[in-house]
Structures are given as C-alpha cells and as structure tokens.
PDB file of all heavy atoms in Angstrom:
ATOM      1  N   ALA A   1       5.992   6.430  28.732  1.00  0.00           N
ATOM      2  CA  ALA A   1       5.273   7.295  27.854  1.00  0.00           C
ATOM      3  C   ALA A   1       5.409   6.855  26.393  1.00  0.00           C
ATOM      4  O   ALA A   1       4.469   7.037  25.584  1.00  0.00           O
ATOM      5  CB  ALA A   1       5.732   8.717  28.013  1.00  0.00           C
ATOM      6  N   SER A   2       6.538   6.248  26.040  1.00  0.00           N
ATOM      7  CA  SER A   2       6.752   5.806  24.642  1.00  0.00           C
ATOM      8  C   SER A   2       5.884   4.634  24.221  1.00  0.00           C
ATOM      9  O   SER A   2       5.845   4.317  23.040  1.00  0.00           O
ATOM     10  CB  SER A   2       8.242   5.459  24.447  1.00  0.00           C
ATOM     11  OG  SER A   2       8.613   4.374  25.259  1.00  0.00           O
ATOM     12  N   TRP A   3       5.221   4.002  25.190  1.00  0.00           N
ATOM     13  CA  TRP A   3       4.329   2.880  24.849  1.00  0.00           C
ATOM     14  C   TRP A   3       2.887   3.348  24.585  1.00  0.00           C
ATOM     15  O   TRP A   3       2.016   2.528  24.268  1.00  0.00           O
ATOM     16  CB  TRP A   3       4.324   1.858  25.952  1.00  0.00           C
ATOM     17  CG  TRP A   3       5.559   0.999  26.011  1.00  0.00           C
ATOM     18  CD1 TRP A   3       6.837   1.393  26.170  1.00  0.00           C
ATOM     19  CD2 TRP A   3       5.613  -0.413  25.876  1.00  0.00           C
ATOM     20  NE1 TRP A   3       7.683   0.321  26.174  1.00  0.00           N
ATOM     21  CE2 TRP A   3       6.956  -0.806  25.989  1.00  0.00           C
ATOM     22  CE3 TRP A   3       4.630  -1.417  25.706  1.00  0.00           C
ATOM     23  CZ2 TRP A   3       7.380  -2.124  25.902  1.00  0.00           C
ATOM     24  CZ3 TRP A   3       5.044  -2.734  25.615  1.00  0.00           C
ATOM     25  CH2 TRP A   3       6.399  -3.088  25.729  1.00  0.00           C
ATOM     26  N   VAL A   4       2.630   4.626  24.717  1.00  0.00           N
ATOM     27  CA  VAL A   4       1.260   5.155  24.677  1.00  0.00           C
ATOM     28  C   VAL A   4       1.102   6.094  23.504  1.00  0.00           C
ATOM     29  O   VAL A   4       1.990   6.903  23.219  1.00  0.00           O
ATOM     30  CB  VAL A   4       0.940   5.894  26.002  1.00  0.00           C
ATOM     31  CG1 VAL A   4      -0.481   6.397  25.990  1.00  0.00           C
ATOM     32  CG2 VAL A   4       1.200   4.970  27.188  1.00  0.00           C
ATOM     33  N   ALA A   5      -0.039   6.034  22.824  1.00  0.00           N
ATOM     34  CA  ALA A   5      -0.331   6.923  21.711  1.00  0.00           C
ATOM     35  C   ALA A   5      -1.754   7.397  21.826  1.00  0.00           C
ATOM     36  O   ALA A   5      -2.597   6.763  22.475  1.00  0.00           O
ATOM     37  CB  ALA A   5      -0.124   6.217  20.370  1.00  0.00           C
ATOM     38  N   ARG A   6      -2.042   8.498  21.165  1.00  0.00           N
ATOM     39  CA  ARG A   6      -3.451   8.971  21.158  1.00  0.00           C
ATOM     40  C   ARG A   6      -4.356   7.944  20.453  1.00  0.00           C
ATOM     41  O   ARG A   6      -3.955   7.305  19.482  1.00  0.00           O
ATOM     42  CB  ARG A   6      -3.504  10.333  20.463  1.00  0.00           C
ATOM     43  CG  ARG A   6      -2.925  11.464  21.313  1.00  0.00           C
ATOM     44  CD  ARG A   6      -3.064  12.812  20.601  1.00  0.00           C
ATOM     45  NE  ARG A   6      -2.604  13.888  21.524  1.00  0.00           N
ATOM     46  CZ  ARG A   6      -1.360  14.246  21.700  1.00  0.00           C
ATOM     47  NH1 ARG A   6      -0.413  13.615  21.014  1.00  0.00           N
ATOM     48  NH2 ARG A   6      -1.043  15.183  22.539  1.00  0.00           N
ATOM     49  N   ALA A   7      -5.562   7.878  20.961  1.00  0.00           N
ATOM     50  CA  ALA A   7      -6.547   6.963  20.319  1.00  0.00           C
ATOM     51  C   ALA A   7      -7.122   7.630  19.060  1.00  0.00           C
ATOM     52  O   ALA A   7      -7.042   8.844  18.902  1.00  0.00           O
ATOM     53  CB  ALA A   7      -7.684   6.719  21.331  1.00  0.00           C
ATOM     54  N   PRO A   8      -7.628   6.844  18.156  1.00  0.00           N
ATOM     55  CA  PRO A   8      -8.214   7.409  16.938  1.00  0.00           C
ATOM     56  C   PRO A   8      -9.357   8.377  17.286  1.00  0.00           C
ATOM     57  O   PRO A   8     -10.179   8.085  18.172  1.00  0.00           O
ATOM     58  CB  PRO A   8      -8.731   6.205  16.175  1.00  0.00           C
ATOM     59  CG  PRO A   8      -7.901   5.036  16.658  1.00  0.00           C
ATOM     60  CD  PRO A   8      -7.610   5.358  18.095  1.00  0.00           C
ATOM     61  N   ALA A   9      -9.379   9.481  16.609  1.00  0.00           N
ATOM     62  CA  ALA A   9     -10.429  10.470  16.827  1.00  0.00           C
ATOM     63  C   ALA A   9     -11.803   9.833  16.516  1.00  0.00           C
ATOM     64  O   ALA A   9     -11.939   9.064  15.592  1.00  0.00           O
ATOM     65  CB  ALA A   9     -10.213  11.682  15.917  1.00  0.00           C
ATOM     66  N   ALA A  10     -12.754  10.145  17.363  1.00  0.00           N
ATOM     67  CA  ALA A  10     -14.142   9.658  17.194  1.00  0.00           C
ATOM     68  C   ALA A  10     -14.347   8.186  17.542  1.00  0.00           C
ATOM     69  O   ALA A  10     -15.463   7.710  17.514  1.00  0.00           O
ATOM     70  CB  ALA A  10     -14.669   9.963  15.783  1.00  0.00           C
ATOM     71  N   ALA A  11     -13.266   7.459  17.832  1.00  0.00           N
ATOM     72  CA  ALA A  11     -13.447   6.066  18.216  1.00  0.00           C
ATOM     73  C   ALA A  11     -13.767   5.992  19.710  1.00  0.00           C
ATOM     74  O   ALA A  11     -13.216   6.748  20.530  1.00  0.00           O
ATOM     75  CB  ALA A  11     -12.159   5.271  17.945  1.00  0.00           C
ATOM     76  N   GLY A  12     -14.672   5.088  20.091  1.00  0.00           N
ATOM     77  CA  GLY A  12     -14.922   4.846  21.471  1.00  0.00           C
ATOM     78  C   GLY A  12     -13.771   4.091  22.113  1.00  0.00           C
ATOM     79  O   GLY A  12     -12.896   3.543  21.429  1.00  0.00           O
ATOM     80  N   HIS A  13     -13.783   4.048  23.446  1.00  0.00           N
ATOM     81  CA  HIS A  13     -12.701   3.337  24.157  1.00  0.00           C
ATOM     82  C   HIS A  13     -12.648   1.872  23.737  1.00  0.00           C
ATOM     83  O   HIS A  13     -11.550   1.304  23.569  1.00  0.00           O
ATOM     84  CB  HIS A  13     -12.867   3.471  25.645  1.00  0.00           C
ATOM     85  CG  HIS A  13     -12.685   4.867  26.160  1.00  0.00           C
ATOM     86  ND1 HIS A  13     -11.545   5.630  25.939  1.00  0.00           N
ATOM     87  CD2 HIS A  13     -13.514   5.667  26.908  1.00  0.00           C
ATOM     88  CE1 HIS A  13     -11.669   6.811  26.511  1.00  0.00           C
ATOM     89  NE2 HIS A  13     -12.864   6.850  27.126  1.00  0.00           N
ATOM     90  N   ALA A  14     -13.794   1.238  23.616  1.00  0.00           N
ATOM     91  CA  ALA A  14     -13.823  -0.177  23.252  1.00  0.00           C
ATOM     92  C   ALA A  14     -13.177  -0.420  21.881  1.00  0.00           C
ATOM     93  O   ALA A  14     -12.404  -1.331  21.693  1.00  0.00           O
ATOM     94  CB  ALA A  14     -15.263  -0.728  23.266  1.00  0.00           C
ATOM     95  N   GLU A  15     -13.536   0.443  20.950  1.00  0.00           N
ATOM     96  CA  GLU A  15     -12.962   0.330  19.593  1.00  0.00           C
ATOM     97  C   GLU A  15     -11.420   0.512  19.647  1.00  0.00           C
ATOM     98  O   GLU A  15     -10.663  -0.278  19.071  1.00  0.00           O
ATOM     99  CB  GLU A  15     -13.565   1.332  18.649  1.00  0.00           C
ATOM    100  CG  GLU A  15     -14.975   1.018  18.230  1.00  0.00           C
ATOM    101  CD  GLU A  15     -16.015   1.417  19.266  1.00  0.00           C
ATOM    102  OE1 GLU A  15     -15.662   2.118  20.224  1.00  0.00           O
ATOM    103  OE2 GLU A  15     -17.205   1.013  19.136  1.00  0.00           O
ATOM    104  N   ALA A  16     -10.971   1.535  20.339  1.00  0.00           N
ATOM    105  CA  ALA A  16      -9.548   1.809  20.430  1.00  0.00           C
ATOM    106  C   ALA A  16      -8.787   0.675  21.076  1.00  0.00           C
ATOM    107  O   ALA A  16      -7.630   0.389  20.722  1.00  0.00           O
ATOM    108  CB  ALA A  16      -9.312   3.098  21.204  1.00  0.00           C
ATOM    109  N   ALA A  17      -9.415  -0.029  21.998  1.00  0.00           N
ATOM    110  CA  ALA A  17      -8.733  -1.137  22.698  1.00  0.00           C
ATOM    111  C   ALA A  17      -8.469  -2.316  21.819  1.00  0.00           C
ATOM    112  O   ALA A  17      -7.682  -3.195  22.148  1.00  0.00           O
ATOM    113  CB  ALA A  17      -9.534  -1.577  23.925  1.00  0.00           C
ATOM    114  N   THR A  18      -9.120  -2.403  20.655  1.00  0.00           N
ATOM    115  CA  THR A  18      -8.908  -3.521  19.729  1.00  0.00           C
ATOM    116  C   THR A  18      -7.661  -3.301  18.841  1.00  0.00           C
ATOM    117  O   THR A  18      -7.267  -4.241  18.142  1.00  0.00           O
ATOM    118  CB  THR A  18     -10.117  -3.760  18.799  1.00  0.00           C
ATOM    119  OG1 THR A  18     -10.225  -2.655  17.903  1.00  0.00           O
ATOM    120  CG2 THR A  18     -11.414  -3.876  19.631  1.00  0.00           C
ATOM    121  N   LEU A  19      -7.083  -2.129  18.920  1.00  0.00           N
ATOM    122  CA  LEU A  19      -6.073  -1.758  17.906  1.00  0.00           C
ATOM    123  C   LEU A  19      -4.630  -2.087  18.256  1.00  0.00           C
ATOM    124  O   LEU A  19      -3.875  -2.617  17.427  1.00  0.00           O
ATOM    125  CB  LEU A  19      -6.211  -0.270  17.592  1.00  0.00           C
ATOM    126  CG  LEU A  19      -5.536   0.274  16.325  1.00  0.00           C
ATOM    127  CD1 LEU A  19      -5.920  -0.496  15.079  1.00  0.00           C
ATOM    128  CD2 LEU A  19      -5.930   1.744  16.172  1.00  0.00           C
ATOM    129  N   PRO A  20      -4.117  -1.816  19.486  1.00  0.00           N
ATOM    130  CA  PRO A  20      -2.686  -1.848  19.702  1.00  0.00           C
ATOM    131  C   PRO A  20      -2.018  -3.216  19.483  1.00  0.00           C
ATOM    132  O   PRO A  20      -1.116  -3.347  18.643  1.00  0.00           O
ATOM    133  CB  PRO A  20      -2.500  -1.356  21.157  1.00  0.00           C
ATOM    134  CG  PRO A  20      -3.697  -0.520  21.414  1.00  0.00           C
ATOM    135  CD  PRO A  20      -4.827  -1.169  20.652  1.00  0.00           C
ATOM    136  N   LEU A  21      -2.406  -4.227  20.252  1.00  0.00           N
ATOM    137  CA  LEU A  21      -1.688  -5.500  20.180  1.00  0.00           C
ATOM    138  C   LEU A  21      -1.802  -6.155  18.818  1.00  0.00           C
ATOM    139  O   LEU A  21      -0.767  -6.514  18.211  1.00  0.00           O
ATOM    140  CB  LEU A  21      -2.228  -6.446  21.275  1.00  0.00           C
ATOM    141  CG  LEU A  21      -1.572  -7.834  21.273  1.00  0.00           C
ATOM    142  CD1 LEU A  21      -0.086  -7.714  21.716  1.00  0.00           C
ATOM    143  CD2 LEU A  21      -2.307  -8.780  22.236  1.00  0.00           C
ATOM    144  N   ASN A  22      -3.004  -6.294  18.307  1.00  0.00           N
ATOM    145  CA  ASN A  22      -3.167  -6.960  17.031  1.00  0.00           C
ATOM    146  C   ASN A  22      -2.645  -6.128  15.874  1.00  0.00           C
ATOM    147  O   ASN A  22      -2.042  -6.658  14.945  1.00  0.00           O
ATOM    148  CB  ASN A  22      -4.659  -7.316  16.807  1.00  0.00           C
ATOM    149  CG  ASN A  22      -5.119  -8.338  17.860  1.00  0.00           C
ATOM    150  OD1 ASN A  22      -4.642  -9.440  17.896  1.00  0.00           O
ATOM    151  ND2 ASN A  22      -6.055  -7.926  18.707  1.00  0.00           N
ATOM    152  N   GLY A  23      -2.836  -4.825  15.954  1.00  0.00           N
ATOM    153  CA  GLY A  23      -2.301  -3.961  14.912  1.00  0.00           C
ATOM    154  C   GLY A  23      -0.797  -3.967  14.860  1.00  0.00           C
ATOM    155  O   GLY A  23      -0.183  -4.036  13.768  1.00  0.00           O
ATOM    156  N   LEU A  24      -0.133  -3.902  16.029  1.00  0.00           N
ATOM    157  CA  LEU A  24       1.326  -3.930  16.058  1.00  0.00           C
ATOM    158  C   LEU A  24       1.847  -5.301  15.655  1.00  0.00           C
ATOM    159  O   LEU A  24       2.901  -5.382  15.016  1.00  0.00           O
ATOM    160  CB  LEU A  24       1.821  -3.567  17.447  1.00  0.00           C
ATOM    161  CG  LEU A  24       1.647  -2.084  17.854  1.00  0.00           C
ATOM    162  CD1 LEU A  24       2.014  -1.886  19.333  1.00  0.00           C
ATOM    163  CD2 LEU A  24       2.461  -1.168  16.957  1.00  0.00           C
ATOM    164  N   THR A  25       1.140  -6.353  16.002  1.00  0.00           N
ATOM    165  CA  THR A  25       1.536  -7.697  15.582  1.00  0.00           C
ATOM    166  C   THR A  25       1.545  -7.811  14.058  1.00  0.00           C
ATOM    167  O   THR A  25       2.526  -8.277  13.445  1.00  0.00           O
ATOM    168  CB  THR A  25       0.626  -8.755  16.182  1.00  0.00           C
ATOM    169  OG1 THR A  25       0.682  -8.690  17.623  1.00  0.00           O
ATOM    170  CG2 THR A  25       1.012 -10.154  15.717  1.00  0.00           C
ATOM    171  N   ALA A  26       0.462  -7.351  13.450  1.00  0.00           N
ATOM    172  CA  ALA A  26       0.381  -7.405  11.994  1.00  0.00           C
ATOM    173  C   ALA A  26       1.400  -6.504  11.335  1.00  0.00           C
ATOM    174  O   ALA A  26       2.057  -6.840  10.328  1.00  0.00           O
ATOM    175  CB  ALA A  26      -1.043  -7.024  11.554  1.00  0.00           C
ATOM    176  N   ARG A  27       1.580  -5.299  11.883  1.00  0.00           N
ATOM    177  CA  ARG A  27       2.559  -4.349  11.342  1.00  0.00           C
ATOM    178  C   ARG A  27       3.984  -4.923  11.382  1.00  0.00           C
ATOM    179  O   ARG A  27       4.756  -4.809  10.412  1.00  0.00           O
ATOM    180  CB  ARG A  27       2.510  -3.039  12.090  1.00  0.00           C
ATOM    181  CG  ARG A  27       3.409  -1.933  11.576  1.00  0.00           C
ATOM    182  CD  ARG A  27       2.948  -1.411  10.228  1.00  0.00           C
ATOM    183  NE  ARG A  27       3.655  -2.077   9.116  1.00  0.00           N
ATOM    184  CZ  ARG A  27       3.220  -2.053   7.877  1.00  0.00           C
ATOM    185  NH1 ARG A  27       2.116  -1.439   7.556  1.00  0.00           N
ATOM    186  NH2 ARG A  27       3.908  -2.656   6.923  1.00  0.00           N
ATOM    187  N   LEU A  28       4.348  -5.545  12.493  1.00  0.00           N
ATOM    188  CA  LEU A  28       5.661  -6.131  12.640  1.00  0.00           C
ATOM    189  C   LEU A  28       5.844  -7.262  11.635  1.00  0.00           C
ATOM    190  O   LEU A  28       6.917  -7.355  10.987  1.00  0.00           O
ATOM    191  CB  LEU A  28       5.857  -6.646  14.058  1.00  0.00           C
ATOM    192  CG  LEU A  28       7.169  -7.393  14.349  1.00  0.00           C
ATOM    193  CD1 LEU A  28       8.390  -6.537  13.981  1.00  0.00           C
ATOM    194  CD2 LEU A  28       7.248  -7.807  15.801  1.00  0.00           C
ATOM    195  N   ALA A  29       4.850  -8.110  11.446  1.00  0.00           N
ATOM    196  CA  ALA A  29       4.934  -9.185  10.508  1.00  0.00           C
ATOM    197  C   ALA A  29       5.213  -8.650   9.087  1.00  0.00           C
ATOM    198  O   ALA A  29       6.096  -9.116   8.369  1.00  0.00           O
ATOM    199  CB  ALA A  29       3.671  -9.992  10.492  1.00  0.00           C
ATOM    200  N   LEU A  30       4.477  -7.632   8.700  1.00  0.00           N
ATOM    201  CA  LEU A  30       4.687  -7.080   7.365  1.00  0.00           C
ATOM    202  C   LEU A  30       6.048  -6.401   7.241  1.00  0.00           C
ATOM    203  O   LEU A  30       6.693  -6.498   6.177  1.00  0.00           O
ATOM    204  CB  LEU A  30       3.566  -6.085   7.049  1.00  0.00           C
ATOM    205  CG  LEU A  30       2.175  -6.719   6.873  1.00  0.00           C
ATOM    206  CD1 LEU A  30       1.106  -5.635   6.837  1.00  0.00           C
ATOM    207  CD2 LEU A  30       2.140  -7.546   5.576  1.00  0.00           C
ATOM    208  N   ASP A  31       6.481  -5.730   8.282  1.00  0.00           N
ATOM    209  CA  ASP A  31       7.804  -5.089   8.237  1.00  0.00           C
ATOM    210  C   ASP A  31       8.910  -6.135   8.089  1.00  0.00           C
ATOM    211  O   ASP A  31       9.909  -5.922   7.389  1.00  0.00           O
ATOM    212  CB  ASP A  31       8.020  -4.219   9.453  1.00  0.00           C
ATOM    213  CG  ASP A  31       7.127  -2.979   9.456  1.00  0.00           C
ATOM    214  OD1 ASP A  31       6.496  -2.680   8.409  1.00  0.00           O
ATOM    215  OD2 ASP A  31       7.090  -2.307  10.510  1.00  0.00           O
ATOM    216  N   LEU A  32       8.765  -7.264   8.788  1.00  0.00           N
ATOM    217  CA  LEU A  32       9.769  -8.335   8.689  1.00  0.00           C
ATOM    218  C   LEU A  32       9.775  -8.949   7.315  1.00  0.00           C
ATOM    219  O   LEU A  32      10.852  -9.288   6.783  1.00  0.00           O
ATOM    220  CB  LEU A  32       9.488  -9.404   9.747  1.00  0.00           C
ATOM    221  CG  LEU A  32       9.742  -9.023  11.194  1.00  0.00           C
ATOM    222  CD1 LEU A  32       9.160 -10.069  12.141  1.00  0.00           C
ATOM    223  CD2 LEU A  32      11.230  -8.821  11.459  1.00  0.00           C
TER     224      LEU A  32
END
C-alpha cells in the first residue's frame, strides 16, 4: 500500500501513468 498514491484529480489514467517513475526519479535527483 505504501507504493500507491491517489492520482491527480481530473487527470486521465494515461496522464497519471506518466508521473510516478519519471517524477520520482527527478525528485530523488534533486533531493540528492
């Protein structure tokens, strides 16, 4: 359950699917 989050409101499934891997990759890079 800890790997799952709500999708952005009003976003379609296709749009939401573009967010986790690439967004987390970029976020981790900036945090490092």
